[in-house]
Amino acid sequence: MLDECKALANETRLSILEWLKDPATHFDDRVGDEPLGVCAGLIQQRAGCSASTVSAHLAVLLRAGFLQATRRGQWTYYRRDEARIRAFAERVHHDL
């Protein structure tokens, strides 16, 4: 549970999770129809950070299990892992 808590201890990572909860609202209407998720470039633009910084944030969220990534050619798409997020929330509710 420590990795998950560390992942959530950053405002940008929390924002990324929020944006990916409703991609059509936070990115482009067409993105909401994309089953693969949102490409890293759009997340970077929205975050206003360098590509390497956003990549590091996404890697932390992936390791914590909050995101899933799908690679297509040179692009990587990210979406939330709702089951893992729900399981984490239930564990926090139960344990704390």
PDB file of N, CA and C in Angstrom:
ATOM      1  N   MET A   1       0.818  -1.189   0.000  1.00  0.00           N
ATOM      2  CA  MET A   1       0.000   0.000   0.000  1.00  0.00           C
ATOM      3  C   MET A   1       0.868   1.263   0.000  1.00  0.00           C
ATOM      4  N   LEU A   2       2.109   1.147   0.418  1.00  0.00           N
ATOM      5  CA  LEU A   2       2.984   2.310   0.475  1.00  0.00           C
ATOM      6  C   LEU A   2       3.250   2.896  -0.910  1.00  0.00           C
ATOM      7  N   ASP A   3       3.472   2.051  -1.927  1.00  0.00           N
ATOM      8  CA  ASP A   3       3.701   2.553  -3.286  1.00  0.00           C
ATOM      9  C   ASP A   3       2.502   3.338  -3.794  1.00  0.00           C
ATOM     10  N   GLU A   4       1.299   2.844  -3.500  1.00  0.00           N
ATOM     11  CA  GLU A   4       0.097   3.536  -3.937  1.00  0.00           C
ATOM     12  C   GLU A   4      -0.018   4.904  -3.267  1.00  0.00           C
ATOM     13  N   CYS A   5       0.262   4.944  -1.965  1.00  0.00           N
ATOM     14  CA  CYS A   5       0.179   6.216  -1.239  1.00  0.00           C
ATOM     15  C   CYS A   5       1.223   7.212  -1.740  1.00  0.00           C
ATOM     16  N   LYS A   6       2.422   6.735  -2.006  1.00  0.00           N
ATOM     17  CA  LYS A   6       3.463   7.608  -2.550  1.00  0.00           C
ATOM     18  C   LYS A   6       3.056   8.152  -3.913  1.00  0.00           C
ATOM     19  N   ALA A   7       2.416   7.311  -4.729  1.00  0.00           N
ATOM     20  CA  ALA A   7       1.985   7.755  -6.054  1.00  0.00           C
ATOM     21  C   ALA A   7       0.953   8.866  -5.953  1.00  0.00           C
ATOM     22  N   LEU A   8       0.130   8.819  -4.934  1.00  0.00           N
ATOM     23  CA  LEU A   8      -0.922   9.814  -4.772  1.00  0.00           C
ATOM     24  C   LEU A   8      -0.451  11.072  -4.044  1.00  0.00           C
ATOM     25  N   ALA A   9       0.792  11.062  -3.577  1.00  0.00           N
ATOM     26  CA  ALA A   9       1.317  12.183  -2.800  1.00  0.00           C
ATOM     27  C   ALA A   9       1.900  13.284  -3.680  1.00  0.00           C
ATOM     28  N   ASN A  10       1.451  13.371  -4.908  1.00  0.00           N
ATOM     29  CA  ASN A  10       1.950  14.379  -5.834  1.00  0.00           C
ATOM     30  C   ASN A  10       0.762  14.989  -6.569  1.00  0.00           C
ATOM     31  N   GLU A  11       0.695  16.303  -6.591  1.00  0.00           N
ATOM     32  CA  GLU A  11      -0.447  17.001  -7.182  1.00  0.00           C
ATOM     33  C   GLU A  11      -0.605  16.712  -8.681  1.00  0.00           C
ATOM     34  N   THR A  12       0.493  16.639  -9.403  1.00  0.00           N
ATOM     35  CA  THR A  12       0.406  16.362 -10.838  1.00  0.00           C
ATOM     36  C   THR A  12      -0.122  14.958 -11.092  1.00  0.00           C
ATOM     37  N   ARG A  13       0.345  13.982 -10.327  1.00  0.00           N
ATOM     38  CA  ARG A  13      -0.147  12.613 -10.510  1.00  0.00           C
ATOM     39  C   ARG A  13      -1.630  12.511 -10.151  1.00  0.00           C
ATOM     40  N   LEU A  14      -2.050  13.208  -9.114  1.00  0.00           N
ATOM     41  CA  LEU A  14      -3.477  13.229  -8.780  1.00  0.00           C
ATOM     42  C   LEU A  14      -4.285  13.847  -9.921  1.00  0.00           C
ATOM     43  N   SER A  15      -3.759  14.913 -10.497  1.00  0.00           N
ATOM     44  CA  SER A  15      -4.443  15.556 -11.626  1.00  0.00           C
ATOM     45  C   SER A  15      -4.553  14.616 -12.812  1.00  0.00           C
ATOM     46  N   ILE A  16      -3.480  13.900 -13.104  1.00  0.00           N
ATOM     47  CA  ILE A  16      -3.499  12.949 -14.222  1.00  0.00           C
ATOM     48  C   ILE A  16      -4.598  11.914 -14.013  1.00  0.00           C
ATOM     49  N   LEU A  17      -4.696  11.383 -12.800  1.00  0.00           N
ATOM     50  CA  LEU A  17      -5.753  10.403 -12.518  1.00  0.00           C
ATOM     51  C   LEU A  17      -7.135  11.025 -12.677  1.00  0.00           C
ATOM     52  N   GLU A  18      -7.278  12.257 -12.252  1.00  0.00           N
ATOM     53  CA  GLU A  18      -8.561  12.952 -12.403  1.00  0.00           C
ATOM     54  C   GLU A  18      -8.892  13.164 -13.881  1.00  0.00           C
ATOM     55  N   TRP A  19      -7.923  13.615 -14.656  1.00  0.00           N
ATOM     56  CA  TRP A  19      -8.157  13.856 -16.086  1.00  0.00           C
ATOM     57  C   TRP A  19      -8.548  12.576 -16.801  1.00  0.00           C
ATOM     58  N   LEU A  20      -7.884  11.481 -16.443  1.00  0.00           N
ATOM     59  CA  LEU A  20      -8.153  10.212 -17.123  1.00  0.00           C
ATOM     60  C   LEU A  20      -9.474   9.578 -16.683  1.00  0.00           C
ATOM     61  N   LYS A  21     -10.041  10.070 -15.604  1.00  0.00           N
ATOM     62  CA  LYS A  21     -11.353   9.569 -15.181  1.00  0.00           C
ATOM     63  C   LYS A  21     -12.427   9.962 -16.191  1.00  0.00           C
ATOM     64  N   ASP A  22     -12.275  11.152 -16.779  1.00  0.00           N
ATOM     65  CA  ASP A  22     -13.218  11.644 -17.787  1.00  0.00           C
ATOM     66  C   ASP A  22     -12.425  12.334 -18.897  1.00  0.00           C
ATOM     67  N   PRO A  23     -11.776  11.546 -19.765  1.00  0.00           N
ATOM     68  CA  PRO A  23     -10.884  12.121 -20.773  1.00  0.00           C
ATOM     69  C   PRO A  23     -11.562  13.095 -21.727  1.00  0.00           C
ATOM     70  N   ALA A  24     -12.813  12.858 -22.090  1.00  0.00           N
ATOM     71  CA  ALA A  24     -13.495  13.739 -23.040  1.00  0.00           C
ATOM     72  C   ALA A  24     -13.643  15.155 -22.481  1.00  0.00           C
ATOM     73  N   THR A  25     -13.797  15.270 -21.187  1.00  0.00           N
ATOM     74  CA  THR A  25     -13.927  16.581 -20.558  1.00  0.00           C
ATOM     75  C   THR A  25     -12.587  17.302 -20.482  1.00  0.00           C
ATOM     76  N   HIS A  26     -11.526  16.567 -20.212  1.00  0.00           N
ATOM     77  CA  HIS A  26     -10.239  17.199 -19.932  1.00  0.00           C
ATOM     78  C   HIS A  26      -9.301  17.271 -21.134  1.00  0.00           C
ATOM     79  N   PHE A  27      -9.604  16.544 -22.174  1.00  0.00           N
ATOM     80  CA  PHE A  27      -8.749  16.570 -23.348  1.00  0.00           C
ATOM     81  C   PHE A  27      -9.562  17.001 -24.562  1.00  0.00           C
ATOM     82  N   ASP A  28     -10.030  16.088 -25.333  1.00  0.00           N
ATOM     83  CA  ASP A  28     -10.763  16.377 -26.553  1.00  0.00           C
ATOM     84  C   ASP A  28     -11.963  15.443 -26.593  1.00  0.00           C
ATOM     85  N   ASP A  29     -13.064  15.902 -27.107  1.00  0.00           N
ATOM     86  CA  ASP A  29     -14.270  15.064 -27.166  1.00  0.00           C
ATOM     87  C   ASP A  29     -13.991  13.714 -27.816  1.00  0.00           C
ATOM     88  N   ARG A  30     -13.137  13.693 -28.835  1.00  0.00           N
ATOM     89  CA  ARG A  30     -12.832  12.443 -29.537  1.00  0.00           C
ATOM     90  C   ARG A  30     -12.042  11.468 -28.675  1.00  0.00           C
ATOM     91  N   VAL A  31     -11.279  11.983 -27.718  1.00  0.00           N
ATOM     92  CA  VAL A  31     -10.451  11.131 -26.866  1.00  0.00           C
ATOM     93  C   VAL A  31     -11.326  10.200 -26.038  1.00  0.00           C
ATOM     94  N   GLY A  32     -12.507  10.648 -25.638  1.00  0.00           N
ATOM     95  CA  GLY A  32     -13.390   9.827 -24.832  1.00  0.00           C
ATOM     96  C   GLY A  32     -13.827   8.555 -25.546  1.00  0.00           C
ATOM     97  N   ASP A  33     -13.761   8.561 -26.872  1.00  0.00           N
ATOM     98  CA  ASP A  33     -14.141   7.389 -27.654  1.00  0.00           C
ATOM     99  C   ASP A  33     -12.980   6.440 -27.897  1.00  0.00           C
ATOM    100  N   GLU A  34     -11.779   6.843 -27.533  1.00  0.00           N
ATOM    101  CA  GLU A  34     -10.576   6.044 -27.782  1.00  0.00           C
ATOM    102  C   GLU A  34     -10.473   4.946 -26.731  1.00  0.00           C
ATOM    103  N   PRO A  35     -10.630   3.687 -27.134  1.00  0.00           N
ATOM    104  CA  PRO A  35     -10.595   2.598 -26.142  1.00  0.00           C
ATOM    105  C   PRO A  35      -9.213   2.381 -25.529  1.00  0.00           C
ATOM    106  N   LEU A  36      -8.173   2.843 -26.213  1.00  0.00           N
ATOM    107  CA  LEU A  36      -6.820   2.642 -25.693  1.00  0.00           C
ATOM    108  C   LEU A  36      -6.492   3.606 -24.563  1.00  0.00           C
ATOM    109  N   GLY A  37      -7.165   4.722 -24.506  1.00  0.00           N
ATOM    110  CA  GLY A  37      -6.880   5.735 -23.501  1.00  0.00           C
ATOM    111  C   GLY A  37      -6.408   7.021 -24.140  1.00  0.00           C
ATOM    112  N   VAL A  38      -5.572   7.738 -23.438  1.00  0.00           N
ATOM    113  CA  VAL A  38      -5.076   9.046 -23.866  1.00  0.00           C
ATOM    114  C   VAL A  38      -3.579   8.931 -24.101  1.00  0.00           C
ATOM    115  N   CYS A  39      -3.112   9.483 -25.212  1.00  0.00           N
ATOM    116  CA  CYS A  39      -1.674   9.386 -25.511  1.00  0.00           C
ATOM    117  C   CYS A  39      -0.874  10.287 -24.563  1.00  0.00           C
ATOM    118  N   ALA A  40       0.341   9.881 -24.316  1.00  0.00           N
ATOM    119  CA  ALA A  40       1.213  10.587 -23.379  1.00  0.00           C
ATOM    120  C   ALA A  40       1.424  12.039 -23.788  1.00  0.00           C
ATOM    121  N   GLY A  41       1.457  12.305 -25.084  1.00  0.00           N
ATOM    122  CA  GLY A  41       1.651  13.674 -25.553  1.00  0.00           C
ATOM    123  C   GLY A  41       0.544  14.613 -25.114  1.00  0.00           C
ATOM    124  N   LEU A  42      -0.688  14.148 -25.142  1.00  0.00           N
ATOM    125  CA  LEU A  42      -1.809  14.979 -24.683  1.00  0.00           C
ATOM    126  C   LEU A  42      -1.747  15.198 -23.180  1.00  0.00           C
ATOM    127  N   ILE A  43      -1.337  14.166 -22.448  1.00  0.00           N
ATOM    128  CA  ILE A  43      -1.190  14.310 -20.994  1.00  0.00           C
ATOM    129  C   ILE A  43      -0.094  15.328 -20.698  1.00  0.00           C
ATOM    130  N   GLN A  44       0.995  15.265 -21.444  1.00  0.00           N
ATOM    131  CA  GLN A  44       2.095  16.211 -21.258  1.00  0.00           C
ATOM    132  C   GLN A  44       1.626  17.640 -21.509  1.00  0.00           C
ATOM    133  N   GLN A  45       0.892  17.859 -22.603  1.00  0.00           N
ATOM    134  CA  GLN A  45       0.396  19.201 -22.915  1.00  0.00           C
ATOM    135  C   GLN A  45      -0.484  19.725 -21.789  1.00  0.00           C
ATOM    136  N   ARG A  46      -1.367  18.893 -21.318  1.00  0.00           N
ATOM    137  CA  ARG A  46      -2.297  19.312 -20.260  1.00  0.00           C
ATOM    138  C   ARG A  46      -1.545  19.609 -18.965  1.00  0.00           C
ATOM    139  N   ALA A  47      -0.546  18.803 -18.639  1.00  0.00           N
ATOM    140  CA  ALA A  47       0.206  18.975 -17.392  1.00  0.00           C
ATOM    141  C   ALA A  47       1.141  20.180 -17.442  1.00  0.00           C
ATOM    142  N   GLY A  48       1.549  20.556 -18.647  1.00  0.00           N
ATOM    143  CA  GLY A  48       2.468  21.683 -18.775  1.00  0.00           C
ATOM    144  C   GLY A  48       3.862  21.362 -18.262  1.00  0.00           C
ATOM    145  N   CYS A  49       4.240  20.100 -18.321  1.00  0.00           N
ATOM    146  CA  CYS A  49       5.564  19.653 -17.862  1.00  0.00           C
ATOM    147  C   CYS A  49       6.352  19.121 -19.055  1.00  0.00           C
ATOM    148  N   SER A  50       7.626  18.893 -18.838  1.00  0.00           N
ATOM    149  CA  SER A  50       8.447  18.305 -19.888  1.00  0.00           C
ATOM    150  C   SER A  50       8.037  16.857 -20.113  1.00  0.00           C
ATOM    151  N   ALA A  51       8.406  16.326 -21.266  1.00  0.00           N
ATOM    152  CA  ALA A  51       8.091  14.932 -21.592  1.00  0.00           C
ATOM    153  C   ALA A  51       8.703  13.989 -20.564  1.00  0.00           C
ATOM    154  N   SER A  52       9.921  14.258 -20.139  1.00  0.00           N
ATOM    155  CA  SER A  52      10.578  13.366 -19.173  1.00  0.00           C
ATOM    156  C   SER A  52       9.892  13.410 -17.811  1.00  0.00           C
ATOM    157  N   THR A  53       9.416  14.574 -17.404  1.00  0.00           N
ATOM    158  CA  THR A  53       8.722  14.688 -16.116  1.00  0.00           C
ATOM    159  C   THR A  53       7.401  13.936 -16.153  1.00  0.00           C
ATOM    160  N   VAL A  54       6.634  14.127 -17.234  1.00  0.00           N
ATOM    161  CA  VAL A  54       5.357  13.424 -17.356  1.00  0.00           C
ATOM    162  C   VAL A  54       5.591  11.922 -17.450  1.00  0.00           C
ATOM    163  N   SER A  55       6.615  11.523 -18.177  1.00  0.00           N
ATOM    164  CA  SER A  55       6.949  10.109 -18.287  1.00  0.00           C
ATOM    165  C   SER A  55       7.243   9.514 -16.910  1.00  0.00           C
ATOM    166  N   ALA A  56       7.970  10.245 -16.082  1.00  0.00           N
ATOM    167  CA  ALA A  56       8.279   9.776 -14.726  1.00  0.00           C
ATOM    168  C   ALA A  56       7.000   9.659 -13.898  1.00  0.00           C
ATOM    169  N   HIS A  57       6.109  10.635 -14.003  1.00  0.00           N
ATOM    170  CA  HIS A  57       4.836  10.574 -13.270  1.00  0.00           C
ATOM    171  C   HIS A  57       4.003   9.373 -13.724  1.00  0.00           C
ATOM    172  N   LEU A  58       3.934   9.155 -15.025  1.00  0.00           N
ATOM    173  CA  LEU A  58       3.166   8.030 -15.549  1.00  0.00           C
ATOM    174  C   LEU A  58       3.764   6.698 -15.095  1.00  0.00           C
ATOM    175  N   ALA A  59       5.089   6.622 -15.043  1.00  0.00           N
ATOM    176  CA  ALA A  59       5.752   5.393 -14.589  1.00  0.00           C
ATOM    177  C   ALA A  59       5.410   5.096 -13.126  1.00  0.00           C
ATOM    178  N   VAL A  60       5.373   6.121 -12.291  1.00  0.00           N
ATOM    179  CA  VAL A  60       5.015   5.927 -10.883  1.00  0.00           C
ATOM    180  C   VAL A  60       3.577   5.418 -10.771  1.00  0.00           C
ATOM    181  N   LEU A  61       2.669   6.018 -11.542  1.00  0.00           N
ATOM    182  CA  LEU A  61       1.264   5.592 -11.511  1.00  0.00           C
ATOM    183  C   LEU A  61       1.095   4.175 -12.048  1.00  0.00           C
ATOM    184  N   LEU A  62       1.896   3.812 -13.039  1.00  0.00           N
ATOM    185  CA  LEU A  62       1.864   2.440 -13.561  1.00  0.00           C
ATOM    186  C   LEU A  62       2.346   1.448 -12.514  1.00  0.00           C
ATOM    187  N   ARG A  63       3.472   1.747 -11.872  1.00  0.00           N
ATOM    188  CA  ARG A  63       4.015   0.853 -10.841  1.00  0.00           C
ATOM    189  C   ARG A  63       3.042   0.679  -9.678  1.00  0.00           C
ATOM    190  N   ALA A  64       2.311   1.743  -9.366  1.00  0.00           N
ATOM    191  CA  ALA A  64       1.339   1.673  -8.272  1.00  0.00           C
ATOM    192  C   ALA A  64       0.089   0.901  -8.682  1.00  0.00           C
ATOM    193  N   GLY A  65      -0.066   0.666  -9.988  1.00  0.00           N
ATOM    194  CA  GLY A  65      -1.215  -0.096 -10.470  1.00  0.00           C
ATOM    195  C   GLY A  65      -2.434   0.739 -10.807  1.00  0.00           C
ATOM    196  N   PHE A  66      -2.295   2.054 -10.779  1.00  0.00           N
ATOM    197  CA  PHE A  66      -3.439   2.917 -11.046  1.00  0.00           C
ATOM    198  C   PHE A  66      -3.708   3.113 -12.537  1.00  0.00           C
ATOM    199  N   LEU A  67      -2.713   2.842 -13.382  1.00  0.00           N
ATOM    200  CA  LEU A  67      -2.862   3.028 -14.820  1.00  0.00           C
ATOM    201  C   LEU A  67      -2.540   1.747 -15.574  1.00  0.00           C
ATOM    202  N   GLN A  68      -3.069   1.678 -16.782  1.00  0.00           N
ATOM    203  CA  GLN A  68      -2.704   0.654 -17.751  1.00  0.00           C
ATOM    204  C   GLN A  68      -2.156   1.386 -18.970  1.00  0.00           C
ATOM    205  N   ALA A  69      -1.172   0.799 -19.623  1.00  0.00           N
ATOM    206  CA  ALA A  69      -0.566   1.419 -20.799  1.00  0.00           C
ATOM    207  C   ALA A  69      -0.655   0.463 -21.982  1.00  0.00           C
ATOM    208  N   THR A  70      -0.923   1.034 -23.147  1.00  0.00           N
ATOM    209  CA  THR A  70      -0.955   0.270 -24.394  1.00  0.00           C
ATOM    210  C   THR A  70      -0.073   1.003 -25.398  1.00  0.00           C
ATOM    211  N   ARG A  71       0.882   0.271 -25.938  1.00  0.00           N
ATOM    212  CA  ARG A  71       1.802   0.864 -26.918  1.00  0.00           C
ATOM    213  C   ARG A  71       1.323   0.534 -28.321  1.00  0.00           C
ATOM    214  N   ARG A  72       1.223   1.537 -29.183  1.00  0.00           N
ATOM    215  CA  ARG A  72       0.875   1.383 -30.598  1.00  0.00           C
ATOM    216  C   ARG A  72       1.875   2.198 -31.410  1.00  0.00           C
ATOM    217  N   GLY A  73       2.761   1.494 -32.063  1.00  0.00           N
ATOM    218  CA  GLY A  73       3.803   2.190 -32.820  1.00  0.00           C
ATOM    219  C   GLY A  73       4.653   3.011 -31.874  1.00  0.00           C
ATOM    220  N   GLN A  74       4.788   4.287 -32.178  1.00  0.00           N
ATOM    221  CA  GLN A  74       5.612   5.151 -31.331  1.00  0.00           C
ATOM    222  C   GLN A  74       4.808   5.799 -30.203  1.00  0.00           C
ATOM    223  N   TRP A  75       3.518   5.548 -30.141  1.00  0.00           N
ATOM    224  CA  TRP A  75       2.649   6.184 -29.156  1.00  0.00           C
ATOM    225  C   TRP A  75       2.307   5.215 -28.022  1.00  0.00           C
ATOM    226  N   THR A  76       2.222   5.759 -26.821  1.00  0.00           N
ATOM    227  CA  THR A  76       1.743   4.992 -25.680  1.00  0.00           C
ATOM    228  C   THR A  76       0.492   5.678 -25.158  1.00  0.00           C
ATOM    229  N   TYR A  77      -0.541   4.876 -24.949  1.00  0.00           N
ATOM    230  CA  TYR A  77      -1.835   5.369 -24.477  1.00  0.00           C
ATOM    231  C   TYR A  77      -2.052   4.897 -23.047  1.00  0.00           C
ATOM    232  N   TYR A  78      -2.621   5.775 -22.232  1.00  0.00           N
ATOM    233  CA  TYR A  78      -2.831   5.479 -20.820  1.00  0.00           C
ATOM    234  C   TYR A  78      -4.306   5.583 -20.469  1.00  0.00           C
ATOM    235  N   ARG A  79      -4.734   4.671 -19.613  1.00  0.00           N
ATOM    236  CA  ARG A  79      -6.092   4.722 -19.067  1.00  0.00           C
ATOM    237  C   ARG A  79      -6.029   4.231 -17.624  1.00  0.00           C
ATOM    238  N   ARG A  80      -7.026   4.616 -16.865  1.00  0.00           N
ATOM    239  CA  ARG A  80      -7.089   4.208 -15.464  1.00  0.00           C
ATOM    240  C   ARG A  80      -7.421   2.728 -15.352  1.00  0.00           C
ATOM    241  N   ASP A  81      -6.890   2.103 -14.328  1.00  0.00           N
ATOM    242  CA  ASP A  81      -7.262   0.728 -13.994  1.00  0.00           C
ATOM    243  C   ASP A  81      -8.288   0.836 -12.866  1.00  0.00           C
ATOM    244  N   GLU A  82      -9.544   0.930 -13.258  1.00  0.00           N
ATOM    245  CA  GLU A  82     -10.618   1.193 -12.295  1.00  0.00           C
ATOM    246  C   GLU A  82     -10.717   0.103 -11.227  1.00  0.00           C
ATOM    247  N   ALA A  83     -10.498  -1.133 -11.588  1.00  0.00           N
ATOM    248  CA  ALA A  83     -10.577  -2.219 -10.609  1.00  0.00           C
ATOM    249  C   ALA A  83      -9.503  -2.061  -9.539  1.00  0.00           C
ATOM    250  N   ARG A  84      -8.286  -1.730  -9.956  1.00  0.00           N
ATOM    251  CA  ARG A  84      -7.192  -1.541  -8.985  1.00  0.00           C
ATOM    252  C   ARG A  84      -7.426  -0.319  -8.113  1.00  0.00           C
ATOM    253  N   ILE A  85      -7.944   0.753  -8.700  1.00  0.00           N
ATOM    254  CA  ILE A  85      -8.230   1.958  -7.920  1.00  0.00           C
ATOM    255  C   ILE A  85      -9.315   1.654  -6.881  1.00  0.00           C
ATOM    256  N   ARG A  86     -10.351   0.950  -7.305  1.00  0.00           N
ATOM    257  CA  ARG A  86     -11.440   0.580  -6.403  1.00  0.00           C
ATOM    258  C   ARG A  86     -10.922  -0.317  -5.261  1.00  0.00           C
ATOM    259  N   ALA A  87     -10.081  -1.290  -5.602  1.00  0.00           N
ATOM    260  CA  ALA A  87      -9.519  -2.192  -4.589  1.00  0.00           C
ATOM    261  C   ALA A  87      -8.664  -1.421  -3.584  1.00  0.00           C
ATOM    262  N   PHE A  88      -7.883  -0.465  -4.065  1.00  0.00           N
ATOM    263  CA  PHE A  88      -7.064   0.354  -3.175  1.00  0.00           C
ATOM    264  C   PHE A  88      -7.957   1.168  -2.238  1.00  0.00           C
ATOM    265  N   ALA A  89      -8.983   1.801  -2.787  1.00  0.00           N
ATOM    266  CA  ALA A  89      -9.889   2.611  -1.970  1.00  0.00           C
ATOM    267  C   ALA A  89     -10.575   1.756  -0.900  1.00  0.00           C
ATOM    268  N   GLU A  90     -10.969   0.557  -1.263  1.00  0.00           N
ATOM    269  CA  GLU A  90     -11.604  -0.341  -0.291  1.00  0.00           C
ATOM    270  C   GLU A  90     -10.614  -0.759   0.798  1.00  0.00           C
ATOM    271  N   ARG A  91      -9.363  -0.989   0.394  1.00  0.00           N
ATOM    272  CA  ARG A  91      -8.343  -1.374   1.376  1.00  0.00           C
ATOM    273  C   ARG A  91      -8.082  -0.233   2.352  1.00  0.00           C
ATOM    274  N   VAL A  92      -8.014   0.998   1.837  1.00  0.00           N
ATOM    275  CA  VAL A  92      -7.809   2.154   2.703  1.00  0.00           C
ATOM    276  C   VAL A  92      -8.993   2.288   3.663  1.00  0.00           C
ATOM    277  N   HIS A  93     -10.189   2.157   3.134  1.00  0.00           N
ATOM    278  CA  HIS A  93     -11.393   2.276   3.972  1.00  0.00           C
ATOM    279  C   HIS A  93     -11.402   1.195   5.066  1.00  0.00           C
ATOM    280  N   HIS A  94     -11.033  -0.016   4.689  1.00  0.00           N
ATOM    281  CA  HIS A  94     -11.058  -1.127   5.644  1.00  0.00           C
ATOM    282  C   HIS A  94      -9.932  -1.026   6.669  1.00  0.00           C
ATOM    283  N   ASP A  95      -8.721  -0.718   6.207  1.00  0.00           N
ATOM    284  CA  ASP A  95      -7.544  -0.752   7.094  1.00  0.00           C
ATOM    285  C   ASP A  95      -7.394   0.500   7.946  1.00  0.00           C
ATOM    286  N   LEU A  96      -7.877   1.614   7.431  1.00  0.00           N
ATOM    287  CA  LEU A  96      -7.694   2.853   8.196  1.00  0.00           C
ATOM    288  C   LEU A  96      -9.002   3.262   8.833  1.00  0.00           C
TER     289      LEU A  96
END
